[in-house]
Structures are given as C-alpha cells and as structure tokens.
Amino acid sequence: MSNMVTLQPGQVESSDNGERFGRSQGGHLVQLRRRRSERGFVVTVDADPRPEVPAELLTHEWGAANAAFDRLMREY
C-alpha cells in the first residue's frame, strides 16, 4: 500500500485484511479499521464532525462500516 499522505482526492486503497484508506473529495483522510480492543470496526475522517455527518462510526457490521466509509468519502 502506498503512503496515505500521497493519496489524491477520491483515491482509495485497501490492505490485505480489508482495512480501507482514502482521501475524500475535500482532501480529508478517511480510514476504515478493525477495532483492536473489541470486535468490530471503526470508520473515521480527519475533519471536524458535522451534525448531519459524524466524523467517527463504531460498528460490528462490515456492511455498515463500508457504507460509512463511502459516505465520508463523498460528504467530507
């Protein structure tokens, strides 16, 4: 995987374990990672949260994590 800093807006990379990293259209880093201390996934964006779009989501569902990643890529 390339360095996350060099990702261009709209670019997404995935690791072998399914974790995803991308640069949103607005230039923010978006990450989907497996949680280490508990079962599940965390999706984050390096931006201030907005009421209509949170900047972090914790979930046990793989599908929900991927949907949140895609939304943060579009909305931030």
PDB file of N, CA and C in Angstrom:
ATOM      1  N   MET A   1       0.847  -1.168   0.000  1.00  0.00           N
ATOM      2  CA  MET A   1       0.000   0.000   0.000  1.00  0.00           C
ATOM      3  C   MET A   1       0.893   1.231   0.000  1.00  0.00           C
ATOM      4  N   SER A   2       0.481   2.260  -0.746  1.00  0.00           N
ATOM      5  CA  SER A   2       1.274   3.482  -0.797  1.00  0.00           C
ATOM      6  C   SER A   2       1.086   4.283   0.484  1.00  0.00           C
ATOM      7  N   ASN A   3       1.891   5.271   0.647  1.00  0.00           N
ATOM      8  CA  ASN A   3       1.811   6.153   1.794  1.00  0.00           C
ATOM      9  C   ASN A   3       0.478   6.897   1.757  1.00  0.00           C
ATOM     10  N   MET A   4      -0.245   6.918   2.896  1.00  0.00           N
ATOM     11  CA  MET A   4      -1.548   7.581   2.944  1.00  0.00           C
ATOM     12  C   MET A   4      -1.452   9.065   2.643  1.00  0.00           C
ATOM     13  N   VAL A   5      -0.312   9.663   2.917  1.00  0.00           N
ATOM     14  CA  VAL A   5      -0.132  11.094   2.686  1.00  0.00           C
ATOM     15  C   VAL A   5      -0.184  11.417   1.194  1.00  0.00           C
ATOM     16  N   THR A   6       0.237  10.496   0.349  1.00  0.00           N
ATOM     17  CA  THR A   6       0.299  10.757  -1.084  1.00  0.00           C
ATOM     18  C   THR A   6      -1.001  10.442  -1.821  1.00  0.00           C
ATOM     19  N   LEU A   7      -2.026   9.965  -1.123  1.00  0.00           N
ATOM     20  CA  LEU A   7      -3.303   9.688  -1.777  1.00  0.00           C
ATOM     21  C   LEU A   7      -3.890  10.977  -2.346  1.00  0.00           C
ATOM     22  N   GLN A   8      -4.433  10.884  -3.536  1.00  0.00           N
ATOM     23  CA  GLN A   8      -5.084  12.016  -4.181  1.00  0.00           C
ATOM     24  C   GLN A   8      -6.573  12.008  -3.822  1.00  0.00           C
ATOM     25  N   PRO A   9      -7.258  13.173  -3.848  1.00  0.00           N
ATOM     26  CA  PRO A   9      -8.691  13.195  -3.568  1.00  0.00           C
ATOM     27  C   PRO A   9      -9.450  12.186  -4.425  1.00  0.00           C
ATOM     28  N   GLY A  10     -10.292  11.400  -3.755  1.00  0.00           N
ATOM     29  CA  GLY A  10     -11.060  10.360  -4.424  1.00  0.00           C
ATOM     30  C   GLY A  10     -10.355   9.013  -4.504  1.00  0.00           C
ATOM     31  N   GLN A  11      -9.081   8.946  -4.165  1.00  0.00           N
ATOM     32  CA  GLN A  11      -8.311   7.707  -4.251  1.00  0.00           C
ATOM     33  C   GLN A  11      -8.510   6.873  -2.982  1.00  0.00           C
ATOM     34  N   VAL A  12      -8.694   5.560  -3.162  1.00  0.00           N
ATOM     35  CA  VAL A  12      -8.892   4.614  -2.056  1.00  0.00           C
ATOM     36  C   VAL A  12      -7.930   3.453  -2.240  1.00  0.00           C
ATOM     37  N   GLU A  13      -7.365   2.994  -1.144  1.00  0.00           N
ATOM     38  CA  GLU A  13      -6.538   1.791  -1.151  1.00  0.00           C
ATOM     39  C   GLU A  13      -7.038   0.861  -0.062  1.00  0.00           C
ATOM     40  N   SER A  14      -6.899  -0.433  -0.291  1.00  0.00           N
ATOM     41  CA  SER A  14      -7.312  -1.451   0.677  1.00  0.00           C
ATOM     42  C   SER A  14      -6.115  -2.317   1.031  1.00  0.00           C
ATOM     43  N   SER A  15      -6.060  -2.732   2.289  1.00  0.00           N
ATOM     44  CA  SER A  15      -4.998  -3.645   2.708  1.00  0.00           C
ATOM     45  C   SER A  15      -5.507  -5.076   2.616  1.00  0.00           C
ATOM     46  N   ASP A  16      -4.626  -6.030   2.796  1.00  0.00           N
ATOM     47  CA  ASP A  16      -4.993  -7.436   2.690  1.00  0.00           C
ATOM     48  C   ASP A  16      -6.031  -7.861   3.725  1.00  0.00           C
ATOM     49  N   ASN A  17      -6.077  -7.180   4.871  1.00  0.00           N
ATOM     50  CA  ASN A  17      -7.036  -7.555   5.907  1.00  0.00           C
ATOM     51  C   ASN A  17      -8.380  -6.849   5.753  1.00  0.00           C
ATOM     52  N   GLY A  18      -8.576  -6.101   4.658  1.00  0.00           N
ATOM     53  CA  GLY A  18      -9.850  -5.452   4.382  1.00  0.00           C
ATOM     54  C   GLY A  18      -9.947  -4.020   4.860  1.00  0.00           C
ATOM     55  N   GLU A  19      -8.952  -3.547   5.599  1.00  0.00           N
ATOM     56  CA  GLU A  19      -8.983  -2.163   6.024  1.00  0.00           C
ATOM     57  C   GLU A  19      -8.838  -1.269   4.798  1.00  0.00           C
ATOM     58  N   ARG A  20      -9.506  -0.105   4.847  1.00  0.00           N
ATOM     59  CA  ARG A  20      -9.502   0.816   3.706  1.00  0.00           C
ATOM     60  C   ARG A  20      -9.015   2.191   4.150  1.00  0.00           C
ATOM     61  N   PHE A  21      -8.310   2.857   3.245  1.00  0.00           N
ATOM     62  CA  PHE A  21      -7.799   4.205   3.480  1.00  0.00           C
ATOM     63  C   PHE A  21      -8.074   5.005   2.229  1.00  0.00           C
ATOM     64  N   GLY A  22      -8.528   6.226   2.396  1.00  0.00           N
ATOM     65  CA  GLY A  22      -8.800   7.049   1.230  1.00  0.00           C
ATOM     66  C   GLY A  22      -8.666   8.516   1.533  1.00  0.00           C
ATOM     67  N   ARG A  23      -8.634   9.296   0.469  1.00  0.00           N
ATOM     68  CA  ARG A  23      -8.617  10.753   0.571  1.00  0.00           C
ATOM     69  C   ARG A  23      -9.952  11.208  -0.014  1.00  0.00           C
ATOM     70  N   SER A  24     -10.769  11.886   0.821  1.00  0.00           N
ATOM     71  CA  SER A  24     -12.092  12.322   0.384  1.00  0.00           C
ATOM     72  C   SER A  24     -11.984  13.378  -0.708  1.00  0.00           C
ATOM     73  N   GLN A  25     -13.112  13.679  -1.343  1.00  0.00           N
ATOM     74  CA  GLN A  25     -13.126  14.716  -2.373  1.00  0.00           C
ATOM     75  C   GLN A  25     -12.670  16.056  -1.815  1.00  0.00           C
ATOM     76  N   GLY A  26     -12.911  16.290  -0.514  1.00  0.00           N
ATOM     77  CA  GLY A  26     -12.489  17.528   0.131  1.00  0.00           C
ATOM     78  C   GLY A  26     -11.064  17.489   0.654  1.00  0.00           C
ATOM     79  N   GLY A  27     -10.369  16.368   0.454  1.00  0.00           N
ATOM     80  CA  GLY A  27      -8.970  16.263   0.834  1.00  0.00           C
ATOM     81  C   GLY A  27      -8.703  15.689   2.219  1.00  0.00           C
ATOM     82  N   HIS A  28      -9.726  15.150   2.880  1.00  0.00           N
ATOM     83  CA  HIS A  28      -9.553  14.595   4.228  1.00  0.00           C
ATOM     84  C   HIS A  28      -9.240  13.105   4.175  1.00  0.00           C
ATOM     85  N   LEU A  29      -8.446  12.651   5.136  1.00  0.00           N
ATOM     86  CA  LEU A  29      -8.109  11.235   5.229  1.00  0.00           C
ATOM     87  C   LEU A  29      -9.270  10.477   5.870  1.00  0.00           C
ATOM     88  N   VAL A  30      -9.747   9.429   5.208  1.00  0.00           N
ATOM     89  CA  VAL A  30     -10.829   8.573   5.706  1.00  0.00           C
ATOM     90  C   VAL A  30     -10.248   7.181   5.908  1.00  0.00           C
ATOM     91  N   GLN A  31     -10.538   6.568   7.067  1.00  0.00           N
ATOM     92  CA  GLN A  31      -9.987   5.248   7.385  1.00  0.00           C
ATOM     93  C   GLN A  31     -11.079   4.317   7.890  1.00  0.00           C
ATOM     94  N   LEU A  32     -11.039   3.072   7.453  1.00  0.00           N
ATOM     95  CA  LEU A  32     -11.867   2.001   7.987  1.00  0.00           C
ATOM     96  C   LEU A  32     -10.894   0.975   8.550  1.00  0.00           C
ATOM     97  N   ARG A  33     -10.949   0.773   9.873  1.00  0.00           N
ATOM     98  CA  ARG A  33     -10.008  -0.147  10.522  1.00  0.00           C
ATOM     99  C   ARG A  33     -10.760  -1.139  11.395  1.00  0.00           C
ATOM    100  N   ARG A  34     -10.165  -2.280  11.566  1.00  0.00           N
ATOM    101  CA  ARG A  34     -10.679  -3.241  12.541  1.00  0.00           C
ATOM    102  C   ARG A  34     -10.343  -2.715  13.925  1.00  0.00           C
ATOM    103  N   ARG A  35     -11.289  -2.865  14.840  1.00  0.00           N
ATOM    104  CA  ARG A  35     -11.027  -2.458  16.220  1.00  0.00           C
ATOM    105  C   ARG A  35     -10.094  -3.479  16.848  1.00  0.00           C
ATOM    106  N   ARG A  36      -9.183  -3.031  17.651  1.00  0.00           N
ATOM    107  CA  ARG A  36      -8.205  -3.932  18.269  1.00  0.00           C
ATOM    108  C   ARG A  36      -8.665  -4.422  19.636  1.00  0.00           C
ATOM    109  N   SER A  37      -9.281  -3.551  20.411  1.00  0.00           N
ATOM    110  CA  SER A  37      -9.654  -3.937  21.770  1.00  0.00           C
ATOM    111  C   SER A  37     -10.987  -4.676  21.840  1.00  0.00           C
ATOM    112  N   GLU A  38     -11.838  -4.506  20.851  1.00  0.00           N
ATOM    113  CA  GLU A  38     -13.147  -5.149  20.816  1.00  0.00           C
ATOM    114  C   GLU A  38     -13.438  -5.612  19.395  1.00  0.00           C
ATOM    115  N   ARG A  39     -14.467  -6.423  19.276  1.00  0.00           N
ATOM    116  CA  ARG A  39     -14.917  -6.887  17.969  1.00  0.00           C
ATOM    117  C   ARG A  39     -15.549  -5.716  17.209  1.00  0.00           C
ATOM    118  N   GLY A  40     -15.320  -5.632  15.936  1.00  0.00           N
ATOM    119  CA  GLY A  40     -15.982  -4.627  15.128  1.00  0.00           C
ATOM    120  C   GLY A  40     -15.016  -3.760  14.345  1.00  0.00           C
ATOM    121  N   PHE A  41     -15.548  -2.622  13.905  1.00  0.00           N
ATOM    122  CA  PHE A  41     -14.823  -1.729  13.004  1.00  0.00           C
ATOM    123  C   PHE A  41     -15.005  -0.290  13.442  1.00  0.00           C
ATOM    124  N   VAL A  42     -14.039   0.540  13.101  1.00  0.00           N
ATOM    125  CA  VAL A  42     -14.134   1.981  13.321  1.00  0.00           C
ATOM    126  C   VAL A  42     -13.849   2.672  11.991  1.00  0.00           C
ATOM    127  N   VAL A  43     -14.677   3.663  11.685  1.00  0.00           N
ATOM    128  CA  VAL A  43     -14.504   4.468  10.479  1.00  0.00           C
ATOM    129  C   VAL A  43     -14.337   5.912  10.941  1.00  0.00           C
ATOM    130  N   THR A  44     -13.279   6.568  10.492  1.00  0.00           N
ATOM    131  CA  THR A  44     -13.003   7.942  10.916  1.00  0.00           C
ATOM    132  C   THR A  44     -12.618   8.810   9.725  1.00  0.00           C
ATOM    133  N   VAL A  45     -12.778  10.110   9.921  1.00  0.00           N
ATOM    134  CA  VAL A  45     -12.301  11.104   8.955  1.00  0.00           C
ATOM    135  C   VAL A  45     -11.577  12.182   9.751  1.00  0.00           C
ATOM    136  N   ASP A  46     -10.505  12.712   9.213  1.00  0.00           N
ATOM    137  CA  ASP A  46      -9.711  13.725   9.915  1.00  0.00           C
ATOM    138  C   ASP A  46     -10.283  15.124   9.683  1.00  0.00           C
ATOM    139  N   ALA A  47     -11.527  15.295  10.085  1.00  0.00           N
ATOM    140  CA  ALA A  47     -12.206  16.579   9.932  1.00  0.00           C
ATOM    141  C   ALA A  47     -13.106  16.798  11.145  1.00  0.00           C
ATOM    142  N   ASP A  48     -13.485  18.048  11.362  1.00  0.00           N
ATOM    143  CA  ASP A  48     -14.425  18.337  12.438  1.00  0.00           C
ATOM    144  C   ASP A  48     -15.778  17.728  12.098  1.00  0.00           C
ATOM    145  N   PRO A  49     -16.419  17.056  13.076  1.00  0.00           N
ATOM    146  CA  PRO A  49     -17.721  16.450  12.794  1.00  0.00           C
ATOM    147  C   PRO A  49     -18.771  17.510  12.485  1.00  0.00           C
ATOM    148  N   ARG A  50     -19.731  17.109  11.688  1.00  0.00           N
ATOM    149  CA  ARG A  50     -20.882  17.964  11.390  1.00  0.00           C
ATOM    150  C   ARG A  50     -22.114  17.249  11.912  1.00  0.00           C
ATOM    151  N   PRO A  51     -23.148  17.985  12.326  1.00  0.00           N
ATOM    152  CA  PRO A  51     -24.340  17.334  12.899  1.00  0.00           C
ATOM    153  C   PRO A  51     -24.959  16.287  11.973  1.00  0.00           C
ATOM    154  N   GLU A  52     -24.957  16.546  10.685  1.00  0.00           N
ATOM    155  CA  GLU A  52     -25.598  15.621   9.744  1.00  0.00           C
ATOM    156  C   GLU A  52     -24.691  14.471   9.312  1.00  0.00           C
ATOM    157  N   VAL A  53     -23.388  14.596   9.543  1.00  0.00           N
ATOM    158  CA  VAL A  53     -22.435  13.548   9.159  1.00  0.00           C
ATOM    159  C   VAL A  53     -21.366  13.431  10.250  1.00  0.00           C
ATOM    160  N   PRO A  54     -21.465  12.414  11.110  1.00  0.00           N
ATOM    161  CA  PRO A  54     -20.445  12.269  12.160  1.00  0.00           C
ATOM    162  C   PRO A  54     -19.073  11.964  11.553  1.00  0.00           C
ATOM    163  N   ALA A  55     -18.024  12.294  12.295  1.00  0.00           N
ATOM    164  CA  ALA A  55     -16.655  12.068  11.826  1.00  0.00           C
ATOM    165  C   ALA A  55     -16.111  10.719  12.284  1.00  0.00           C
ATOM    166  N   GLU A  56     -16.911   9.949  13.051  1.00  0.00           N
ATOM    167  CA  GLU A  56     -16.484   8.633  13.516  1.00  0.00           C
ATOM    168  C   GLU A  56     -17.699   7.729  13.670  1.00  0.00           C
ATOM    169  N   LEU A  57     -17.522   6.464  13.315  1.00  0.00           N
ATOM    170  CA  LEU A  57     -18.571   5.464  13.488  1.00  0.00           C
ATOM    171  C   LEU A  57     -17.935   4.191  14.023  1.00  0.00           C
ATOM    172  N   LEU A  58     -18.525   3.631  15.058  1.00  0.00           N
ATOM    173  CA  LEU A  58     -18.134   2.323  15.574  1.00  0.00           C
ATOM    174  C   LEU A  58     -19.252   1.361  15.238  1.00  0.00           C
ATOM    175  N   THR A  59     -18.913   0.193  14.696  1.00  0.00           N
ATOM    176  CA  THR A  59     -19.937  -0.771  14.317  1.00  0.00           C
ATOM    177  C   THR A  59     -19.384  -2.189  14.398  1.00  0.00           C
ATOM    178  N   HIS A  60     -20.288  -3.138  14.555  1.00  0.00           N
ATOM    179  CA  HIS A  60     -19.911  -4.555  14.497  1.00  0.00           C
ATOM    180  C   HIS A  60     -20.140  -5.114  13.096  1.00  0.00           C
ATOM    181  N   GLU A  61     -20.797  -4.351  12.249  1.00  0.00           N
ATOM    182  CA  GLU A  61     -21.208  -4.816  10.926  1.00  0.00           C
ATOM    183  C   GLU A  61     -20.250  -4.341   9.833  1.00  0.00           C
ATOM    184  N   TRP A  62     -19.748  -5.279   9.071  1.00  0.00           N
ATOM    185  CA  TRP A  62     -18.843  -4.964   7.959  1.00  0.00           C
ATOM    186  C   TRP A  62     -19.541  -4.093   6.921  1.00  0.00           C
ATOM    187  N   GLY A  63     -20.784  -4.422   6.589  1.00  0.00           N
ATOM    188  CA  GLY A  63     -21.532  -3.646   5.595  1.00  0.00           C
ATOM    189  C   GLY A  63     -21.752  -2.210   6.035  1.00  0.00           C
ATOM    190  N   ALA A  64     -22.063  -2.001   7.309  1.00  0.00           N
ATOM    191  CA  ALA A  64     -22.269  -0.653   7.837  1.00  0.00           C
ATOM    192  C   ALA A  64     -20.965   0.135   7.808  1.00  0.00           C
ATOM    193  N   ALA A  65     -19.858  -0.521   8.111  1.00  0.00           N
ATOM    194  CA  ALA A  65     -18.558   0.144   8.081  1.00  0.00           C
ATOM    195  C   ALA A  65     -18.215   0.591   6.664  1.00  0.00           C
ATOM    196  N   ASN A  66     -18.447  -0.248   5.681  1.00  0.00           N
ATOM    197  CA  ASN A  66     -18.159   0.113   4.294  1.00  0.00           C
ATOM    198  C   ASN A  66     -19.068   1.231   3.809  1.00  0.00           C
ATOM    199  N   ALA A  67     -20.350   1.189   4.190  1.00  0.00           N
ATOM    200  CA  ALA A  67     -21.286   2.246   3.810  1.00  0.00           C
ATOM    201  C   ALA A  67     -20.864   3.580   4.425  1.00  0.00           C
ATOM    202  N   ALA A  68     -20.421   3.558   5.690  1.00  0.00           N
ATOM    203  CA  ALA A  68     -19.967   4.779   6.350  1.00  0.00           C
ATOM    204  C   ALA A  68     -18.707   5.317   5.673  1.00  0.00           C
ATOM    205  N   PHE A  69     -17.787   4.432   5.319  1.00  0.00           N
ATOM    206  CA  PHE A  69     -16.570   4.847   4.621  1.00  0.00           C
ATOM    207  C   PHE A  69     -16.937   5.565   3.323  1.00  0.00           C
ATOM    208  N   ASP A  70     -17.815   4.960   2.532  1.00  0.00           N
ATOM    209  CA  ASP A  70     -18.212   5.559   1.258  1.00  0.00           C
ATOM    210  C   ASP A  70     -18.887   6.912   1.469  1.00  0.00           C
ATOM    211  N   ARG A  71     -19.730   7.012   2.511  1.00  0.00           N
ATOM    212  CA  ARG A  71     -20.408   8.284   2.784  1.00  0.00           C
ATOM    213  C   ARG A  71     -19.401   9.362   3.179  1.00  0.00           C
ATOM    214  N   LEU A  72     -18.457   9.038   4.058  1.00  0.00           N
ATOM    215  CA  LEU A  72     -17.471  10.028   4.457  1.00  0.00           C
ATOM    216  C   LEU A  72     -16.600  10.458   3.288  1.00  0.00           C
ATOM    217  N   MET A  73     -16.314   9.546   2.378  1.00  0.00           N
ATOM    218  CA  MET A  73     -15.538   9.894   1.175  1.00  0.00           C
ATOM    219  C   MET A  73     -16.299  10.914   0.331  1.00  0.00           C
ATOM    220  N   ARG A  74     -17.609  10.787   0.268  1.00  0.00           N
ATOM    221  CA  ARG A  74     -18.426  11.727  -0.525  1.00  0.00           C
ATOM    222  C   ARG A  74     -18.668  13.043   0.217  1.00  0.00           C
ATOM    223  N   GLU A  75     -18.988  12.982   1.517  1.00  0.00           N
ATOM    224  CA  GLU A  75     -19.513  14.141   2.227  1.00  0.00           C
ATOM    225  C   GLU A  75     -18.441  15.022   2.862  1.00  0.00           C
ATOM    226  N   TYR A  76     -17.228  14.531   2.991  1.00  0.00           N
ATOM    227  CA  TYR A  76     -16.160  15.361   3.531  1.00  0.00           C
ATOM    228  C   TYR A  76     -15.192  15.662   2.426  1.00  0.00           C
TER     229      TYR A  76
END
